């Protein structure tokens, strides 16, 4: 078991994902300075109940992601802008409240490589869905991307697909907590199919004869 300082946020961090934070609360200035001095990560956990800033420390979900600090910009009054990168998933086994911030006794894990045939099959399904999703998004933003940069390996495609997905935190937290690689890939296939369909509908102009009918007064 490993001890990590915990940072409850309204964000789900995945391994390999970059996170930029402005640190201004005293308890988190203390926590981040301690991590910098010891060259150690902190844990990012999604808030389940409570507020991100001020007041009592929020209650979080039990699965989070360790974050390594890669860049620090010092500001007046001890404030900081930091950049961190997601490392490994963890389960919180116990909480230590002896400091102004939370400490979690955690166990790291990775989604288990179960059912190899299904993993390969879902990986083959997922990659073109991710490419199509990015094509729709970049066409809206007048940007471009290189499809060759989308990986073929199951863990890598699951990682990049989780990071790229523009969906709500509840769904992202479900992905982060998946214990099985086959289940993670299948869930991503289902989400990407649905999200790509929604994007296509949103970006398609209505037919010239389109009529939604009269509005209700309610």
C-alpha atoms as a PDB file:
ATOM      1  CA  UNK A   1       0.000   0.000   0.000  1.00  0.00           C
ATOM      2  CA  UNK A   2       1.192   3.539  -0.843  1.00  0.00           C
ATOM      3  CA  UNK A   3       0.289   6.849   0.797  1.00  0.00           C
ATOM      4  CA  UNK A   4      -0.730   9.692  -1.533  1.00  0.00           C
ATOM      5  CA  UNK A   5      -1.905  13.227  -0.747  1.00  0.00           C
ATOM      6  CA  UNK A   6      -5.350  13.576  -2.333  1.00  0.00           C
ATOM      7  CA  UNK A   7      -6.719  16.489  -4.354  1.00  0.00           C
ATOM      8  CA  UNK A   8     -10.535  16.289  -4.823  1.00  0.00           C
ATOM      9  CA  UNK A   9     -11.463  18.059  -8.069  1.00  0.00           C
ATOM     10  CA  UNK A  10     -14.349  18.326 -10.521  1.00  0.00           C
ATOM     11  CA  UNK A  11     -12.289  16.472 -13.112  1.00  0.00           C
ATOM     12  CA  UNK A  12     -11.430  12.857 -13.925  1.00  0.00           C
ATOM     13  CA  UNK A  13      -7.734  12.348 -14.629  1.00  0.00           C
ATOM     14  CA  UNK A  14      -6.583   9.410 -16.780  1.00  0.00           C
ATOM     15  CA  UNK A  15      -3.058   7.971 -17.142  1.00  0.00           C
ATOM     16  CA  UNK A  16      -1.180   9.993 -19.751  1.00  0.00           C
ATOM     17  CA  UNK A  17      -3.546  12.973 -19.481  1.00  0.00           C
ATOM     18  CA  UNK A  18      -2.193  16.463 -18.806  1.00  0.00           C
ATOM     19  CA  UNK A  19      -3.797  18.585 -16.081  1.00  0.00           C
ATOM     20  CA  UNK A  20      -3.207  22.294 -15.434  1.00  0.00           C
ATOM     21  CA  UNK A  21      -4.098  23.666 -11.984  1.00  0.00           C
ATOM     22  CA  UNK A  22      -3.964  27.030 -10.241  1.00  0.00           C
ATOM     23  CA  UNK A  23      -3.065  26.417  -6.600  1.00  0.00           C
ATOM     24  CA  UNK A  24      -4.256  29.117  -4.201  1.00  0.00           C
ATOM     25  CA  UNK A  25      -5.801  27.483  -1.115  1.00  0.00           C
ATOM     26  CA  UNK A  26      -3.405  27.252   1.831  1.00  0.00           C
ATOM     27  CA  UNK A  27      -3.949  23.523   2.363  1.00  0.00           C
ATOM     28  CA  UNK A  28      -3.157  22.741  -1.266  1.00  0.00           C
ATOM     29  CA  UNK A  29      -0.194  25.125  -1.403  1.00  0.00           C
ATOM     30  CA  UNK A  30       1.168  23.120   1.525  1.00  0.00           C
ATOM     31  CA  UNK A  31       0.357  19.816  -0.185  1.00  0.00           C
ATOM     32  CA  UNK A  32       1.858  20.703  -3.576  1.00  0.00           C
ATOM     33  CA  UNK A  33       5.011  22.196  -2.023  1.00  0.00           C
ATOM     34  CA  UNK A  34       5.451  18.969  -0.066  1.00  0.00           C
ATOM     35  CA  UNK A  35       5.097  16.926  -3.280  1.00  0.00           C
ATOM     36  CA  UNK A  36       7.589  19.163  -5.104  1.00  0.00           C
ATOM     37  CA  UNK A  37      10.164  18.913  -2.311  1.00  0.00           C
ATOM     38  CA  UNK A  38       9.845  15.124  -2.106  1.00  0.00           C
ATOM     39  CA  UNK A  39       9.518  14.706  -5.901  1.00  0.00           C
ATOM     40  CA  UNK A  40       6.394  12.638  -5.313  1.00  0.00           C
ATOM     41  CA  UNK A  41       2.965  12.528  -7.003  1.00  0.00           C
ATOM     42  CA  UNK A  42      -0.427  13.415  -5.580  1.00  0.00           C
ATOM     43  CA  UNK A  43      -3.738  11.724  -6.224  1.00  0.00           C
ATOM     44  CA  UNK A  44      -6.559  13.325  -8.225  1.00  0.00           C
ATOM     45  CA  UNK A  45     -10.025  12.125  -7.224  1.00  0.00           C
ATOM     46  CA  UNK A  46     -13.413  13.182  -8.575  1.00  0.00           C
ATOM     47  CA  UNK A  47     -15.656  14.997  -6.094  1.00  0.00           C
ATOM     48  CA  UNK A  48     -18.697  12.968  -5.118  1.00  0.00           C
ATOM     49  CA  UNK A  49     -20.178  15.448  -2.673  1.00  0.00           C
ATOM     50  CA  UNK A  50     -19.058  18.922  -1.629  1.00  0.00           C
ATOM     51  CA  UNK A  51     -17.179  21.839  -3.142  1.00  0.00           C
ATOM     52  CA  UNK A  52     -13.861  22.051  -4.946  1.00  0.00           C
ATOM     53  CA  UNK A  53     -12.723  25.172  -3.060  1.00  0.00           C
ATOM     54  CA  UNK A  54     -13.191  26.561   0.463  1.00  0.00           C
ATOM     55  CA  UNK A  55     -15.020  24.914   3.327  1.00  0.00           C
ATOM     56  CA  UNK A  56     -14.715  21.278   4.390  1.00  0.00           C
ATOM     57  CA  UNK A  57     -12.786  18.889   2.155  1.00  0.00           C
ATOM     58  CA  UNK A  58     -15.141  17.300  -0.362  1.00  0.00           C
ATOM     59  CA  UNK A  59     -16.065  13.628  -0.372  1.00  0.00           C
ATOM     60  CA  UNK A  60     -14.619  11.816  -3.378  1.00  0.00           C
ATOM     61  CA  UNK A  61     -14.991   8.600  -5.337  1.00  0.00           C
ATOM     62  CA  UNK A  62     -12.779   5.714  -4.256  1.00  0.00           C
ATOM     63  CA  UNK A  63     -10.879   5.378  -7.566  1.00  0.00           C
ATOM     64  CA  UNK A  64      -8.494   8.079  -8.747  1.00  0.00           C
ATOM     65  CA  UNK A  65      -5.282   8.644 -10.673  1.00  0.00           C
ATOM     66  CA  UNK A  66      -1.831   9.586  -9.436  1.00  0.00           C
ATOM     67  CA  UNK A  67      -0.461  12.808 -10.943  1.00  0.00           C
ATOM     68  CA  UNK A  68       3.232  13.673 -11.376  1.00  0.00           C
ATOM     69  CA  UNK A  69       4.082  17.385 -11.337  1.00  0.00           C
ATOM     70  CA  UNK A  70       5.953  18.265 -14.525  1.00  0.00           C
ATOM     71  CA  UNK A  71       6.022  22.073 -14.398  1.00  0.00           C
ATOM     72  CA  UNK A  72       5.631  24.758 -11.720  1.00  0.00           C
ATOM     73  CA  UNK A  73       5.134  28.505 -12.143  1.00  0.00           C
ATOM     74  CA  UNK A  74       5.583  30.384  -8.856  1.00  0.00           C
ATOM     75  CA  UNK A  75       3.252  33.337  -8.277  1.00  0.00           C
ATOM     76  CA  UNK A  76       2.907  36.033  -5.581  1.00  0.00           C
ATOM     77  CA  UNK A  77       1.536  35.056  -2.136  1.00  0.00           C
ATOM     78  CA  UNK A  78       2.723  31.479  -2.522  1.00  0.00           C
ATOM     79  CA  UNK A  79       0.277  30.682  -5.305  1.00  0.00           C
ATOM     80  CA  UNK A  80       1.306  28.422  -8.168  1.00  0.00           C
ATOM     81  CA  UNK A  81       0.319  27.329 -11.627  1.00  0.00           C
ATOM     82  CA  UNK A  82       1.253  23.691 -12.068  1.00  0.00           C
ATOM     83  CA  UNK A  83       1.109  21.139 -14.850  1.00  0.00           C
ATOM     84  CA  UNK A  84       0.725  17.502 -13.867  1.00  0.00           C
ATOM     85  CA  UNK A  85       0.492  14.284 -15.882  1.00  0.00           C
ATOM     86  CA  UNK A  86      -1.655  11.273 -14.976  1.00  0.00           C
ATOM     87  CA  UNK A  87       0.277   8.142 -14.064  1.00  0.00           C
ATOM     88  CA  UNK A  88      -1.518   5.160 -12.496  1.00  0.00           C
ATOM     89  CA  UNK A  89      -5.045   4.328 -11.372  1.00  0.00           C
ATOM     90  CA  UNK A  90      -5.560   3.607  -7.682  1.00  0.00           C
ATOM     91  CA  UNK A  91      -8.185   2.406  -5.209  1.00  0.00           C
ATOM     92  CA  UNK A  92      -8.415   4.284  -1.912  1.00  0.00           C
ATOM     93  CA  UNK A  93      -8.329   1.744   0.913  1.00  0.00           C
ATOM     94  CA  UNK A  94      -8.189   4.138   3.862  1.00  0.00           C
ATOM     95  CA  UNK A  95      -8.150   7.893   4.572  1.00  0.00           C
ATOM     96  CA  UNK A  96      -5.801   9.765   6.913  1.00  0.00           C
ATOM     97  CA  UNK A  97      -7.121  13.157   8.104  1.00  0.00           C
ATOM     98  CA  UNK A  98      -4.124  14.109  10.239  1.00  0.00           C
ATOM     99  CA  UNK A  99      -3.047  16.933   7.870  1.00  0.00           C
ATOM    100  CA  UNK A 100      -4.930  19.973   6.494  1.00  0.00           C
ATOM    101  CA  UNK A 101      -5.402  17.946   3.293  1.00  0.00           C
ATOM    102  CA  UNK A 102      -6.369  14.292   2.896  1.00  0.00           C
ATOM    103  CA  UNK A 103      -3.897  11.450   2.694  1.00  0.00           C
ATOM    104  CA  UNK A 104      -5.040   8.244   1.033  1.00  0.00           C
ATOM    105  CA  UNK A 105      -3.632   4.788   1.621  1.00  0.00           C
ATOM    106  CA  UNK A 106      -4.015   3.436  -1.896  1.00  0.00           C
ATOM    107  CA  UNK A 107      -3.382   0.393  -4.060  1.00  0.00           C
ATOM    108  CA  UNK A 108      -2.451   0.898  -7.704  1.00  0.00           C
ATOM    109  CA  UNK A 109      -4.088  -1.196 -10.405  1.00  0.00           C
ATOM    110  CA  UNK A 110      -4.421  -1.525 -14.169  1.00  0.00           C
ATOM    111  CA  UNK A 111      -7.415  -3.015 -16.023  1.00  0.00           C
ATOM    112  CA  UNK A 112      -6.785  -6.762 -16.203  1.00  0.00           C
ATOM    113  CA  UNK A 113      -5.888  -8.237 -19.603  1.00  0.00           C
ATOM    114  CA  UNK A 114      -8.749 -10.711 -19.717  1.00  0.00           C
ATOM    115  CA  UNK A 115     -10.385 -12.430 -22.730  1.00  0.00           C
ATOM    116  CA  UNK A 116      -7.644 -11.728 -25.326  1.00  0.00           C
ATOM    117  CA  UNK A 117      -9.881 -12.478 -28.320  1.00  0.00           C
ATOM    118  CA  UNK A 118     -12.506  -9.965 -27.181  1.00  0.00           C
ATOM    119  CA  UNK A 119      -9.801  -7.410 -26.403  1.00  0.00           C
ATOM    120  CA  UNK A 120      -8.437  -7.666 -29.952  1.00  0.00           C
ATOM    121  CA  UNK A 121     -11.924  -7.528 -31.457  1.00  0.00           C
ATOM    122  CA  UNK A 122     -13.047  -4.482 -29.472  1.00  0.00           C
ATOM    123  CA  UNK A 123      -9.740  -2.766 -30.236  1.00  0.00           C
ATOM    124  CA  UNK A 124     -10.356  -3.232 -33.984  1.00  0.00           C
ATOM    125  CA  UNK A 125     -13.849  -1.727 -33.559  1.00  0.00           C
ATOM    126  CA  UNK A 126     -12.715   1.186 -31.390  1.00  0.00           C
ATOM    127  CA  UNK A 127      -9.865   2.635 -33.460  1.00  0.00           C
ATOM    128  CA  UNK A 128     -11.974   3.676 -36.514  1.00  0.00           C
ATOM    129  CA  UNK A 129     -14.658   5.048 -34.161  1.00  0.00           C
ATOM    130  CA  UNK A 130     -12.076   7.268 -32.456  1.00  0.00           C
ATOM    131  CA  UNK A 131     -10.788   8.449 -35.840  1.00  0.00           C
ATOM    132  CA  UNK A 132     -14.314   9.250 -37.035  1.00  0.00           C
ATOM    133  CA  UNK A 133     -15.070  11.067 -33.775  1.00  0.00           C
ATOM    134  CA  UNK A 134     -11.963  13.219 -34.182  1.00  0.00           C
ATOM    135  CA  UNK A 135     -12.793  13.891 -37.834  1.00  0.00           C
ATOM    136  CA  UNK A 136     -16.192  15.263 -36.828  1.00  0.00           C
ATOM    137  CA  UNK A 137     -14.755  17.346 -33.981  1.00  0.00           C
ATOM    138  CA  UNK A 138     -11.876  18.802 -35.992  1.00  0.00           C
ATOM    139  CA  UNK A 139     -14.136  19.658 -38.933  1.00  0.00           C
ATOM    140  CA  UNK A 140     -16.236  21.742 -36.543  1.00  0.00           C
ATOM    141  CA  UNK A 141     -13.151  23.526 -35.194  1.00  0.00           C
ATOM    142  CA  UNK A 142     -11.461  23.917 -38.598  1.00  0.00           C
ATOM    143  CA  UNK A 143      -8.514  21.853 -37.344  1.00  0.00           C
ATOM    144  CA  UNK A 144      -6.843  18.648 -38.461  1.00  0.00           C
ATOM    145  CA  UNK A 145      -5.153  15.573 -37.027  1.00  0.00           C
ATOM    146  CA  UNK A 146      -3.092  12.649 -38.303  1.00  0.00           C
ATOM    147  CA  UNK A 147      -5.006   9.338 -38.027  1.00  0.00           C
ATOM    148  CA  UNK A 148      -1.662   7.497 -38.006  1.00  0.00           C
ATOM    149  CA  UNK A 149      -1.064   8.901 -34.520  1.00  0.00           C
ATOM    150  CA  UNK A 150      -3.980   6.876 -33.149  1.00  0.00           C
ATOM    151  CA  UNK A 151      -2.388   3.716 -31.695  1.00  0.00           C
ATOM    152  CA  UNK A 152      -3.310   0.118 -32.532  1.00  0.00           C
ATOM    153  CA  UNK A 153      -2.402  -1.547 -29.213  1.00  0.00           C
ATOM    154  CA  UNK A 154      -5.395  -2.254 -26.925  1.00  0.00           C
ATOM    155  CA  UNK A 155      -4.114  -0.477 -23.803  1.00  0.00           C
ATOM    156  CA  UNK A 156      -2.867   2.502 -25.774  1.00  0.00           C
ATOM    157  CA  UNK A 157      -6.103   2.958 -27.731  1.00  0.00           C
ATOM    158  CA  UNK A 158      -8.134   2.594 -24.519  1.00  0.00           C
ATOM    159  CA  UNK A 159      -5.959   5.249 -22.884  1.00  0.00           C
ATOM    160  CA  UNK A 160      -6.149   7.797 -25.710  1.00  0.00           C
ATOM    161  CA  UNK A 161      -9.863   7.133 -26.265  1.00  0.00           C
ATOM    162  CA  UNK A 162     -10.598   7.801 -22.594  1.00  0.00           C
ATOM    163  CA  UNK A 163      -8.627  11.056 -22.627  1.00  0.00           C
ATOM    164  CA  UNK A 164     -10.144  12.390 -25.875  1.00  0.00           C
ATOM    165  CA  UNK A 165     -13.764  11.674 -25.003  1.00  0.00           C
ATOM    166  CA  UNK A 166     -15.900  14.769 -24.387  1.00  0.00           C
ATOM    167  CA  UNK A 167     -18.521  13.410 -22.024  1.00  0.00           C
ATOM    168  CA  UNK A 168     -19.678  13.933 -18.447  1.00  0.00           C
ATOM    169  CA  UNK A 169     -17.587  13.165 -15.373  1.00  0.00           C
ATOM    170  CA  UNK A 170     -19.861  10.338 -14.224  1.00  0.00           C
ATOM    171  CA  UNK A 171     -19.165   8.411 -17.420  1.00  0.00           C
ATOM    172  CA  UNK A 172     -15.447   9.196 -17.255  1.00  0.00           C
ATOM    173  CA  UNK A 173     -15.296   7.985 -13.663  1.00  0.00           C
ATOM    174  CA  UNK A 174     -16.911   4.725 -14.738  1.00  0.00           C
ATOM    175  CA  UNK A 175     -14.182   4.296 -17.369  1.00  0.00           C
ATOM    176  CA  UNK A 176     -11.411   5.075 -14.885  1.00  0.00           C
ATOM    177  CA  UNK A 177     -12.705   2.467 -12.427  1.00  0.00           C
ATOM    178  CA  UNK A 178     -13.070  -0.378 -14.960  1.00  0.00           C
ATOM    179  CA  UNK A 179     -11.154  -3.419 -13.636  1.00  0.00           C
ATOM    180  CA  UNK A 180     -11.224  -5.290 -16.967  1.00  0.00           C
ATOM    181  CA  UNK A 181      -9.567  -4.248 -20.240  1.00  0.00           C
ATOM    182  CA  UNK A 182     -12.170  -6.079 -22.348  1.00  0.00           C
ATOM    183  CA  UNK A 183     -15.008  -4.334 -20.486  1.00  0.00           C
ATOM    184  CA  UNK A 184     -13.242  -0.971 -20.791  1.00  0.00           C
ATOM    185  CA  UNK A 185     -12.824  -1.363 -24.560  1.00  0.00           C
ATOM    186  CA  UNK A 186     -16.415  -2.547 -25.041  1.00  0.00           C
ATOM    187  CA  UNK A 187     -17.747   0.405 -23.029  1.00  0.00           C
ATOM    188  CA  UNK A 188     -15.631   2.811 -25.073  1.00  0.00           C
ATOM    189  CA  UNK A 189     -16.963   1.294 -28.317  1.00  0.00           C
ATOM    190  CA  UNK A 190     -20.543   1.810 -27.106  1.00  0.00           C
ATOM    191  CA  UNK A 191     -19.876   5.395 -25.958  1.00  0.00           C
ATOM    192  CA  UNK A 192     -18.028   6.393 -29.138  1.00  0.00           C
ATOM    193  CA  UNK A 193     -20.792   5.003 -31.344  1.00  0.00           C
ATOM    194  CA  UNK A 194     -23.368   7.057 -29.442  1.00  0.00           C
ATOM    195  CA  UNK A 195     -21.288  10.245 -29.165  1.00  0.00           C
ATOM    196  CA  UNK A 196     -20.335  10.199 -32.865  1.00  0.00           C
ATOM    197  CA  UNK A 197     -23.999   9.808 -33.797  1.00  0.00           C
ATOM    198  CA  UNK A 198     -24.883  12.788 -31.588  1.00  0.00           C
ATOM    199  CA  UNK A 199     -22.105  14.912 -33.088  1.00  0.00           C
ATOM    200  CA  UNK A 200     -23.249  14.097 -36.610  1.00  0.00           C
ATOM    201  CA  UNK A 201     -26.826  15.088 -35.750  1.00  0.00           C
ATOM    202  CA  UNK A 202     -25.762  18.332 -34.076  1.00  0.00           C
ATOM    203  CA  UNK A 203     -23.575  19.352 -36.991  1.00  0.00           C
ATOM    204  CA  UNK A 204     -26.022  18.440 -39.763  1.00  0.00           C
ATOM    205  CA  UNK A 205     -28.026  21.456 -40.988  1.00  0.00           C
ATOM    206  CA  UNK A 206     -31.809  20.948 -40.879  1.00  0.00           C
ATOM    207  CA  UNK A 207     -33.602  20.186 -44.120  1.00  0.00           C
ATOM    208  CA  UNK A 208     -35.158  23.234 -45.789  1.00  0.00           C
ATOM    209  CA  UNK A 209     -38.585  21.754 -45.128  1.00  0.00           C
ATOM    210  CA  UNK A 210     -37.742  21.055 -41.459  1.00  0.00           C
ATOM    211  CA  UNK A 211     -40.603  22.002 -39.141  1.00  0.00           C
ATOM    212  CA  UNK A 212     -40.731  21.161 -35.452  1.00  0.00           C
ATOM    213  CA  UNK A 213     -44.389  22.168 -35.158  1.00  0.00           C
ATOM    214  CA  UNK A 214     -46.006  24.529 -32.668  1.00  0.00           C
ATOM    215  CA  UNK A 215     -44.441  25.235 -29.288  1.00  0.00           C
ATOM    216  CA  UNK A 216     -46.197  24.128 -26.114  1.00  0.00           C
ATOM    217  CA  UNK A 217     -47.154  26.858 -23.659  1.00  0.00           C
ATOM    218  CA  UNK A 218     -45.854  24.676 -20.775  1.00  0.00           C
END
